[in-house]
Amino acid sequence: GKTTTFQSDSSLVDAIVQAANSVVDVETVVDRT
């Protein structure tokens, strides 16, 4: 088996942060790690 690496796209990360913050029961949102 084999895998590679990647980095996430900023505009999509921003959209997820905004969406997650609007969801009930989401308490903490981290943008990147």
Full PDB file with SEQRES, HELIX, SHEET, SSBOND, CRYST1, ORIGX, SCALE, CONECT and MASTER records, all heavy atoms in Angstrom:
SEQRES   1 A   33  GLY LYS THR THR THR PHE GLN SER ASP SER SER LEU VAL          
SEQRES   2 A   33  ASP ALA ILE VAL GLN ALA ALA ASN SER VAL VAL ASP VAL          
SEQRES   3 A   33  GLU THR VAL VAL ASP ARG THR                                  
HELIX    1 AA1 SER A   10  ASN A   21  1                                  12    
CRYST1    1.000    1.000    1.000  90.00  90.00  90.00 P 1           1          
ORIGX1      1.000000  0.000000  0.000000        0.00000                         
ORIGX2      0.000000  1.000000  0.000000        0.00000                         
ORIGX3      0.000000  0.000000  1.000000        0.00000                         
SCALE1      1.000000  0.000000  0.000000        0.00000                         
SCALE2      0.000000  1.000000  0.000000        0.00000                         
SCALE3      0.000000  0.000000  1.000000        0.00000                         
ATOM      1  N   GLY A   1       0.832  -1.194   0.000  1.00  0.00           N  
ATOM      2  CA  GLY A   1       0.000   0.000   0.000  1.00  0.00           C  
ATOM      3  C   GLY A   1       0.862   1.237   0.000  1.00  0.00           C  
ATOM      4  O   GLY A   1       2.057   1.186   0.322  1.00  0.00           O  
ATOM      5  N   LYS A   2       0.246   2.386  -0.399  1.00  0.00           N  
ATOM      6  CA  LYS A   2       1.018   3.626  -0.468  1.00  0.00           C  
ATOM      7  C   LYS A   2       0.082   4.816  -0.336  1.00  0.00           C  
ATOM      8  O   LYS A   2      -1.066   4.771  -0.787  1.00  0.00           O  
ATOM      9  CB  LYS A   2       1.788   3.703  -1.791  1.00  0.00           C  
ATOM     10  CG  LYS A   2       2.890   4.742  -1.807  1.00  0.00           C  
ATOM     11  CD  LYS A   2       3.722   4.646  -3.076  1.00  0.00           C  
ATOM     12  CE  LYS A   2       4.878   5.650  -3.031  1.00  0.00           C  
ATOM     13  NZ  LYS A   2       5.683   5.616  -4.271  1.00  0.00           N  
ATOM     14  N   THR A   3       0.570   5.883   0.303  1.00  0.00           N  
ATOM     15  CA  THR A   3      -0.182   7.129   0.416  1.00  0.00           C  
ATOM     16  C   THR A   3       0.738   8.289   0.087  1.00  0.00           C  
ATOM     17  O   THR A   3       1.960   8.128  -0.022  1.00  0.00           O  
ATOM     18  CB  THR A   3      -0.760   7.336   1.829  1.00  0.00           C  
ATOM     19  OG1 THR A   3       0.318   7.634   2.733  1.00  0.00           O  
ATOM     20  CG2 THR A   3      -1.501   6.099   2.316  1.00  0.00           C  
ATOM     21  N   THR A   4       0.152   9.469  -0.054  1.00  0.00           N  
ATOM     22  CA  THR A   4       0.944  10.675  -0.259  1.00  0.00           C  
ATOM     23  C   THR A   4       0.444  11.762   0.696  1.00  0.00           C  
ATOM     24  O   THR A   4      -0.252  11.457   1.658  1.00  0.00           O  
ATOM     25  CB  THR A   4       0.896  11.110  -1.738  1.00  0.00           C  
ATOM     26  OG1 THR A   4       1.827  12.182  -1.933  1.00  0.00           O  
ATOM     27  CG2 THR A   4      -0.495  11.545  -2.168  1.00  0.00           C  
ATOM     28  N   THR A   5       0.789  12.999   0.442  1.00  0.00           N  
ATOM     29  CA  THR A   5       0.436  14.077   1.371  1.00  0.00           C  
ATOM     30  C   THR A   5      -0.372  15.150   0.655  1.00  0.00           C  
ATOM     31  O   THR A   5      -0.542  15.103  -0.569  1.00  0.00           O  
ATOM     32  CB  THR A   5       1.702  14.676   2.019  1.00  0.00           C  
ATOM     33  OG1 THR A   5       1.335  15.540   3.094  1.00  0.00           O  
ATOM     34  CG2 THR A   5       2.541  15.429   1.007  1.00  0.00           C  
ATOM     35  N   PHE A   6      -0.871  16.128   1.384  1.00  0.00           N  
ATOM     36  CA  PHE A   6      -1.690  17.184   0.799  1.00  0.00           C  
ATOM     37  C   PHE A   6      -1.789  18.364   1.763  1.00  0.00           C  
ATOM     38  O   PHE A   6      -1.502  18.246   2.950  1.00  0.00           O  
ATOM     39  CB  PHE A   6      -3.106  16.685   0.471  1.00  0.00           C  
ATOM     40  CG  PHE A   6      -3.890  16.232   1.675  1.00  0.00           C  
ATOM     41  CD1 PHE A   6      -4.612  17.137   2.446  1.00  0.00           C  
ATOM     42  CD2 PHE A   6      -3.906  14.893   2.049  1.00  0.00           C  
ATOM     43  CE1 PHE A   6      -5.315  16.733   3.565  1.00  0.00           C  
ATOM     44  CE2 PHE A   6      -4.610  14.468   3.170  1.00  0.00           C  
ATOM     45  CZ  PHE A   6      -5.318  15.396   3.930  1.00  0.00           C  
ATOM     46  N   GLN A   7      -2.248  19.492   1.224  1.00  0.00           N  
ATOM     47  CA  GLN A   7      -2.681  20.637   2.020  1.00  0.00           C  
ATOM     48  C   GLN A   7      -4.082  21.031   1.585  1.00  0.00           C  
ATOM     49  O   GLN A   7      -4.464  20.849   0.423  1.00  0.00           O  
ATOM     50  CB  GLN A   7      -1.722  21.820   1.837  1.00  0.00           C  
ATOM     51  CG  GLN A   7      -0.381  21.629   2.523  1.00  0.00           C  
ATOM     52  CD  GLN A   7       0.505  22.855   2.410  1.00  0.00           C  
ATOM     53  OE1 GLN A   7       1.464  22.871   1.652  1.00  0.00           O  
ATOM     54  NE2 GLN A   7       0.183  23.878   3.185  1.00  0.00           N  
ATOM     55  N   SER A   8      -4.865  21.546   2.522  1.00  0.00           N  
ATOM     56  CA  SER A   8      -6.255  21.897   2.247  1.00  0.00           C  
ATOM     57  C   SER A   8      -6.361  23.305   1.658  1.00  0.00           C  
ATOM     58  O   SER A   8      -5.492  24.151   1.880  1.00  0.00           O  
ATOM     59  CB  SER A   8      -7.081  21.805   3.537  1.00  0.00           C  
ATOM     60  OG  SER A   8      -7.074  20.486   4.039  1.00  0.00           O  
ATOM     61  N   ASP A   9      -7.447  23.541   0.915  1.00  0.00           N  
ATOM     62  CA  ASP A   9      -7.680  24.825   0.272  1.00  0.00           C  
ATOM     63  C   ASP A   9      -8.351  25.798   1.238  1.00  0.00           C  
ATOM     64  O   ASP A   9      -9.366  25.479   1.862  1.00  0.00           O  
ATOM     65  CB  ASP A   9      -8.547  24.622  -0.969  1.00  0.00           C  
ATOM     66  CG  ASP A   9      -7.796  23.867  -2.056  1.00  0.00           C  
ATOM     67  OD1 ASP A   9      -6.886  24.452  -2.653  1.00  0.00           O  
ATOM     68  OD2 ASP A   9      -8.123  22.680  -2.295  1.00  0.00           O  
ATOM     69  N   SER A  10      -7.805  27.014   1.314  1.00  0.00           N  
ATOM     70  CA  SER A  10      -8.209  27.983   2.329  1.00  0.00           C  
ATOM     71  C   SER A  10      -9.685  28.368   2.245  1.00  0.00           C  
ATOM     72  O   SER A  10     -10.378  28.450   3.269  1.00  0.00           O  
ATOM     73  CB  SER A  10      -7.341  29.238   2.230  1.00  0.00           C  
ATOM     74  OG  SER A  10      -6.003  28.940   2.547  1.00  0.00           O  
ATOM     75  N   SER A  11     -10.190  28.614   1.033  1.00  0.00           N  
ATOM     76  CA  SER A  11     -11.579  29.067   0.918  1.00  0.00           C  
ATOM     77  C   SER A  11     -12.550  27.981   1.361  1.00  0.00           C  
ATOM     78  O   SER A  11     -13.595  28.271   1.962  1.00  0.00           O  
ATOM     79  CB  SER A  11     -11.883  29.498  -0.515  1.00  0.00           C  
ATOM     80  OG  SER A  11     -11.661  28.437  -1.425  1.00  0.00           O  
ATOM     81  N   LEU A  12     -12.189  26.727   1.119  1.00  0.00           N  
ATOM     82  CA  LEU A  12     -13.044  25.624   1.562  1.00  0.00           C  
ATOM     83  C   LEU A  12     -12.964  25.468   3.079  1.00  0.00           C  
ATOM     84  O   LEU A  12     -13.984  25.219   3.745  1.00  0.00           O  
ATOM     85  CB  LEU A  12     -12.630  24.331   0.861  1.00  0.00           C  
ATOM     86  CG  LEU A  12     -13.523  23.114   1.065  1.00  0.00           C  
ATOM     87  CD1 LEU A  12     -14.982  23.418   0.741  1.00  0.00           C  
ATOM     88  CD2 LEU A  12     -13.018  21.938   0.224  1.00  0.00           C  
ATOM     89  N   VAL A  13     -11.782  25.632   3.639  1.00  0.00           N  
ATOM     90  CA  VAL A  13     -11.629  25.589   5.095  1.00  0.00           C  
ATOM     91  C   VAL A  13     -12.480  26.670   5.746  1.00  0.00           C  
ATOM     92  O   VAL A  13     -13.184  26.420   6.737  1.00  0.00           O  
ATOM     93  CB  VAL A  13     -10.146  25.752   5.484  1.00  0.00           C  
ATOM     94  CG1 VAL A  13      -9.996  25.894   7.004  1.00  0.00           C  
ATOM     95  CG2 VAL A  13      -9.335  24.562   4.992  1.00  0.00           C  
ATOM     96  N   ASP A  14     -12.457  27.861   5.186  1.00  0.00           N  
ATOM     97  CA  ASP A  14     -13.259  28.955   5.732  1.00  0.00           C  
ATOM     98  C   ASP A  14     -14.748  28.627   5.692  1.00  0.00           C  
ATOM     99  O   ASP A  14     -15.495  28.932   6.640  1.00  0.00           O  
ATOM    100  CB  ASP A  14     -12.996  30.242   4.948  1.00  0.00           C  
ATOM    101  CG  ASP A  14     -11.581  30.778   5.155  1.00  0.00           C  
ATOM    102  OD1 ASP A  14     -10.934  30.355   6.127  1.00  0.00           O  
ATOM    103  OD2 ASP A  14     -11.147  31.597   4.332  1.00  0.00           O  
ATOM    104  N   ALA A  15     -15.191  27.982   4.603  1.00  0.00           N  
ATOM    105  CA  ALA A  15     -16.607  27.621   4.482  1.00  0.00           C  
ATOM    106  C   ALA A  15     -17.012  26.597   5.537  1.00  0.00           C  
ATOM    107  O   ALA A  15     -18.112  26.667   6.106  1.00  0.00           O  
ATOM    108  CB  ALA A  15     -16.891  27.072   3.080  1.00  0.00           C  
ATOM    109  N   ILE A  16     -16.134  25.662   5.836  1.00  0.00           N  
ATOM    110  CA  ILE A  16     -16.436  24.640   6.845  1.00  0.00           C  
ATOM    111  C   ILE A  16     -16.475  25.262   8.232  1.00  0.00           C  
ATOM    112  O   ILE A  16     -17.344  24.928   9.048  1.00  0.00           O  
ATOM    113  CB  ILE A  16     -15.412  23.495   6.770  1.00  0.00           C  
ATOM    114  CG1 ILE A  16     -15.565  22.742   5.450  1.00  0.00           C  
ATOM    115  CG2 ILE A  16     -15.572  22.540   7.952  1.00  0.00           C  
ATOM    116  CD1 ILE A  16     -14.379  21.924   5.070  1.00  0.00           C  
ATOM    117  N   VAL A  17     -15.541  26.162   8.519  1.00  0.00           N  
ATOM    118  CA  VAL A  17     -15.556  26.848   9.810  1.00  0.00           C  
ATOM    119  C   VAL A  17     -16.886  27.574  10.002  1.00  0.00           C  
ATOM    120  O   VAL A  17     -17.522  27.481  11.067  1.00  0.00           O  
ATOM    121  CB  VAL A  17     -14.379  27.837   9.912  1.00  0.00           C  
ATOM    122  CG1 VAL A  17     -14.534  28.732  11.137  1.00  0.00           C  
ATOM    123  CG2 VAL A  17     -13.052  27.081   9.973  1.00  0.00           C  
ATOM    124  N   GLN A  18     -17.338  28.280   8.981  1.00  0.00           N  
ATOM    125  CA  GLN A  18     -18.600  29.009   9.066  1.00  0.00           C  
ATOM    126  C   GLN A  18     -19.771  28.052   9.246  1.00  0.00           C  
ATOM    127  O   GLN A  18     -20.661  28.284  10.088  1.00  0.00           O  
ATOM    128  CB  GLN A  18     -18.804  29.852   7.806  1.00  0.00           C  
ATOM    129  CG  GLN A  18     -20.071  30.697   7.816  1.00  0.00           C  
ATOM    130  CD  GLN A  18     -20.189  31.564   6.572  1.00  0.00           C  
ATOM    131  OE1 GLN A  18     -19.226  31.743   5.844  1.00  0.00           O  
ATOM    132  NE2 GLN A  18     -21.388  32.098   6.336  1.00  0.00           N  
ATOM    133  N   ALA A  19     -19.779  26.956   8.475  1.00  0.00           N  
ATOM    134  CA  ALA A  19     -20.881  25.997   8.570  1.00  0.00           C  
ATOM    135  C   ALA A  19     -20.888  25.317   9.938  1.00  0.00           C  
ATOM    136  O   ALA A  19     -21.937  25.173  10.574  1.00  0.00           O  
ATOM    137  CB  ALA A  19     -20.762  24.952   7.466  1.00  0.00           C  
ATOM    138  N   ALA A  20     -19.713  24.890  10.413  1.00  0.00           N  
ATOM    139  CA  ALA A  20     -19.639  24.180  11.694  1.00  0.00           C  
ATOM    140  C   ALA A  20     -20.094  25.073  12.842  1.00  0.00           C  
ATOM    141  O   ALA A  20     -20.770  24.608  13.773  1.00  0.00           O  
ATOM    142  CB  ALA A  20     -18.219  23.687  11.935  1.00  0.00           C  
ATOM    143  N   ASN A  21     -19.762  26.335  12.778  1.00  0.00           N  
ATOM    144  CA  ASN A  21     -20.168  27.250  13.846  1.00  0.00           C  
ATOM    145  C   ASN A  21     -21.680  27.468  13.891  1.00  0.00           C  
ATOM    146  O   ASN A  21     -22.204  27.949  14.908  1.00  0.00           O  
ATOM    147  CB  ASN A  21     -19.454  28.594  13.678  1.00  0.00           C  
ATOM    148  CG  ASN A  21     -18.056  28.575  14.260  1.00  0.00           C  
ATOM    149  OD1 ASN A  21     -17.825  28.018  15.335  1.00  0.00           O  
ATOM    150  ND2 ASN A  21     -17.098  29.178  13.556  1.00  0.00           N  
ATOM    151  N   SER A  22     -22.375  27.115  12.828  1.00  0.00           N  
ATOM    152  CA  SER A  22     -23.825  27.273  12.805  1.00  0.00           C  
ATOM    153  C   SER A  22     -24.568  26.011  13.237  1.00  0.00           C  
ATOM    154  O   SER A  22     -25.795  26.015  13.335  1.00  0.00           O  
ATOM    155  CB  SER A  22     -24.279  27.662  11.392  1.00  0.00           C  
ATOM    156  OG  SER A  22     -24.158  26.561  10.495  1.00  0.00           O  
ATOM    157  N   VAL A  23     -23.845  24.931  13.510  1.00  0.00           N  
ATOM    158  CA  VAL A  23     -24.465  23.640  13.849  1.00  0.00           C  
ATOM    159  C   VAL A  23     -24.600  23.518  15.361  1.00  0.00           C  
ATOM    160  O   VAL A  23     -23.629  23.705  16.104  1.00  0.00           O  
ATOM    161  CB  VAL A  23     -23.635  22.471  13.272  1.00  0.00           C  
ATOM    162  CG1 VAL A  23     -24.157  21.136  13.790  1.00  0.00           C  
ATOM    163  CG2 VAL A  23     -23.661  22.506  11.749  1.00  0.00           C  
ATOM    164  N   VAL A  24     -25.788  23.178  15.802  1.00  0.00           N  
ATOM    165  CA  VAL A  24     -26.042  22.936  17.224  1.00  0.00           C  
ATOM    166  C   VAL A  24     -25.164  21.779  17.705  1.00  0.00           C  
ATOM    167  O   VAL A  24     -24.958  20.801  16.984  1.00  0.00           O  
ATOM    168  CB  VAL A  24     -27.533  22.616  17.450  1.00  0.00           C  
ATOM    169  CG1 VAL A  24     -27.796  22.258  18.916  1.00  0.00           C  
ATOM    170  CG2 VAL A  24     -28.409  23.794  17.021  1.00  0.00           C  
ATOM    171  N   ASP A  25     -24.644  21.897  18.902  1.00  0.00           N  
ATOM    172  CA  ASP A  25     -23.797  20.903  19.564  1.00  0.00           C  
ATOM    173  C   ASP A  25     -22.336  20.964  19.129  1.00  0.00           C  
ATOM    174  O   ASP A  25     -21.508  20.228  19.681  1.00  0.00           O  
ATOM    175  CB  ASP A  25     -24.324  19.469  19.383  1.00  0.00           C  
ATOM    176  CG  ASP A  25     -25.679  19.262  20.036  1.00  0.00           C  
ATOM    177  OD1 ASP A  25     -25.937  19.913  21.071  1.00  0.00           O  
ATOM    178  OD2 ASP A  25     -26.484  18.473  19.505  1.00  0.00           O  
ATOM    179  N   VAL A  26     -21.995  21.787  18.148  1.00  0.00           N  
ATOM    180  CA  VAL A  26     -20.580  22.034  17.871  1.00  0.00           C  
ATOM    181  C   VAL A  26     -20.086  23.080  18.865  1.00  0.00           C  
ATOM    182  O   VAL A  26     -20.612  24.191  18.929  1.00  0.00           O  
ATOM    183  CB  VAL A  26     -20.359  22.508  16.421  1.00  0.00           C  
ATOM    184  CG1 VAL A  26     -18.910  22.969  16.228  1.00  0.00           C  
ATOM    185  CG2 VAL A  26     -20.682  21.389  15.440  1.00  0.00           C  
ATOM    186  N   GLU A  27     -19.087  22.708  19.649  1.00  0.00           N  
ATOM    187  CA  GLU A  27     -18.608  23.581  20.723  1.00  0.00           C  
ATOM    188  C   GLU A  27     -17.284  24.262  20.384  1.00  0.00           C  
ATOM    189  O   GLU A  27     -17.015  25.377  20.837  1.00  0.00           O  
ATOM    190  CB  GLU A  27     -18.453  22.767  22.009  1.00  0.00           C  
ATOM    191  CG  GLU A  27     -19.773  22.168  22.492  1.00  0.00           C  
ATOM    192  CD  GLU A  27     -19.580  21.195  23.641  1.00  0.00           C  
ATOM    193  OE1 GLU A  27     -18.400  20.943  24.005  1.00  0.00           O  
ATOM    194  OE2 GLU A  27     -20.585  20.677  24.166  1.00  0.00           O  
ATOM    195  N   THR A  28     -16.442  23.575  19.611  1.00  0.00           N  
ATOM    196  CA  THR A  28     -15.120  24.101  19.282  1.00  0.00           C  
ATOM    197  C   THR A  28     -14.842  23.854  17.809  1.00  0.00           C  
ATOM    198  O   THR A  28     -15.071  22.740  17.316  1.00  0.00           O  
ATOM    199  CB  THR A  28     -14.019  23.409  20.118  1.00  0.00           C  
ATOM    200  OG1 THR A  28     -14.336  23.517  21.505  1.00  0.00           O  
ATOM    201  CG2 THR A  28     -12.659  24.034  19.849  1.00  0.00           C  
ATOM    202  N   VAL A  29     -14.355  24.867  17.112  1.00  0.00           N  
ATOM    203  CA  VAL A  29     -13.976  24.714  15.709  1.00  0.00           C  
ATOM    204  C   VAL A  29     -12.530  25.168  15.547  1.00  0.00           C  
ATOM    205  O   VAL A  29     -12.159  26.272  15.939  1.00  0.00           O  
ATOM    206  CB  VAL A  29     -14.893  25.526  14.766  1.00  0.00           C  
ATOM    207  CG1 VAL A  29     -14.470  25.338  13.315  1.00  0.00           C  
ATOM    208  CG2 VAL A  29     -16.343  25.117  14.964  1.00  0.00           C  
ATOM    209  N   VAL A  30     -11.710  24.297  14.997  1.00  0.00           N  
ATOM    210  CA  VAL A  30     -10.301  24.584  14.708  1.00  0.00           C  
ATOM    211  C   VAL A  30     -10.150  24.649  13.197  1.00  0.00           C  
ATOM    212  O   VAL A  30     -10.666  23.790  12.484  1.00  0.00           O  
ATOM    213  CB  VAL A  30      -9.381  23.490  15.288  1.00  0.00           C  
ATOM    214  CG1 VAL A  30      -7.928  23.737  14.916  1.00  0.00           C  
ATOM    215  CG2 VAL A  30      -9.557  23.399  16.798  1.00  0.00           C  
ATOM    216  N   ASP A  31      -9.431  25.644  12.701  1.00  0.00           N  
ATOM    217  CA  ASP A  31      -9.344  25.748  11.248  1.00  0.00           C  
ATOM    218  C   ASP A  31      -8.359  24.745  10.656  1.00  0.00           C  
ATOM    219  O   ASP A  31      -8.705  24.027   9.718  1.00  0.00           O  
ATOM    220  CB  ASP A  31      -9.018  27.182  10.805  1.00  0.00           C  
ATOM    221  CG  ASP A  31      -7.754  27.722  11.454  1.00  0.00           C  
ATOM    222  OD1 ASP A  31      -7.168  27.044  12.313  1.00  0.00           O  
ATOM    223  OD2 ASP A  31      -7.346  28.842  11.082  1.00  0.00           O  
ATOM    224  N   ARG A  32      -7.137  24.646  11.188  1.00  0.00           N  
ATOM    225  CA  ARG A  32      -6.138  23.763  10.598  1.00  0.00           C  
ATOM    226  C   ARG A  32      -5.276  23.099  11.679  1.00  0.00           C  
ATOM    227  O   ARG A  32      -4.947  23.724  12.684  1.00  0.00           O  
ATOM    228  CB  ARG A  32      -5.183  24.535   9.671  1.00  0.00           C  
ATOM    229  CG  ARG A  32      -5.816  25.106   8.418  1.00  0.00           C  
ATOM    230  CD  ARG A  32      -4.815  25.962   7.659  1.00  0.00           C  
ATOM    231  NE  ARG A  32      -5.402  26.544   6.476  1.00  0.00           N  
ATOM    232  CZ  ARG A  32      -5.411  25.981   5.270  1.00  0.00           C  
ATOM    233  NH1 ARG A  32      -4.845  24.801   5.104  1.00  0.00           N  
ATOM    234  NH2 ARG A  32      -5.971  26.588   4.244  1.00  0.00           N  
ATOM    235  N   THR A  33      -4.862  21.863  11.403  1.00  0.00           N  
ATOM    236  CA  THR A  33      -3.854  21.197  12.225  1.00  0.00           C  
ATOM    237  C   THR A  33      -3.265  20.055  11.415  1.00  0.00           C  
ATOM    238  O   THR A  33      -3.926  19.476  10.548  1.00  0.00           O  
ATOM    239  CB  THR A  33      -4.444  20.687  13.555  1.00  0.00           C  
ATOM    240  OG1 THR A  33      -3.383  20.252  14.406  1.00  0.00           O  
ATOM    241  CG2 THR A  33      -5.396  19.523  13.327  1.00  0.00           C  
TER     242      THR A  33                                                      
MASTER        0    0    0    1    0    0    0    6  241    1    0    3          
END                                                                             
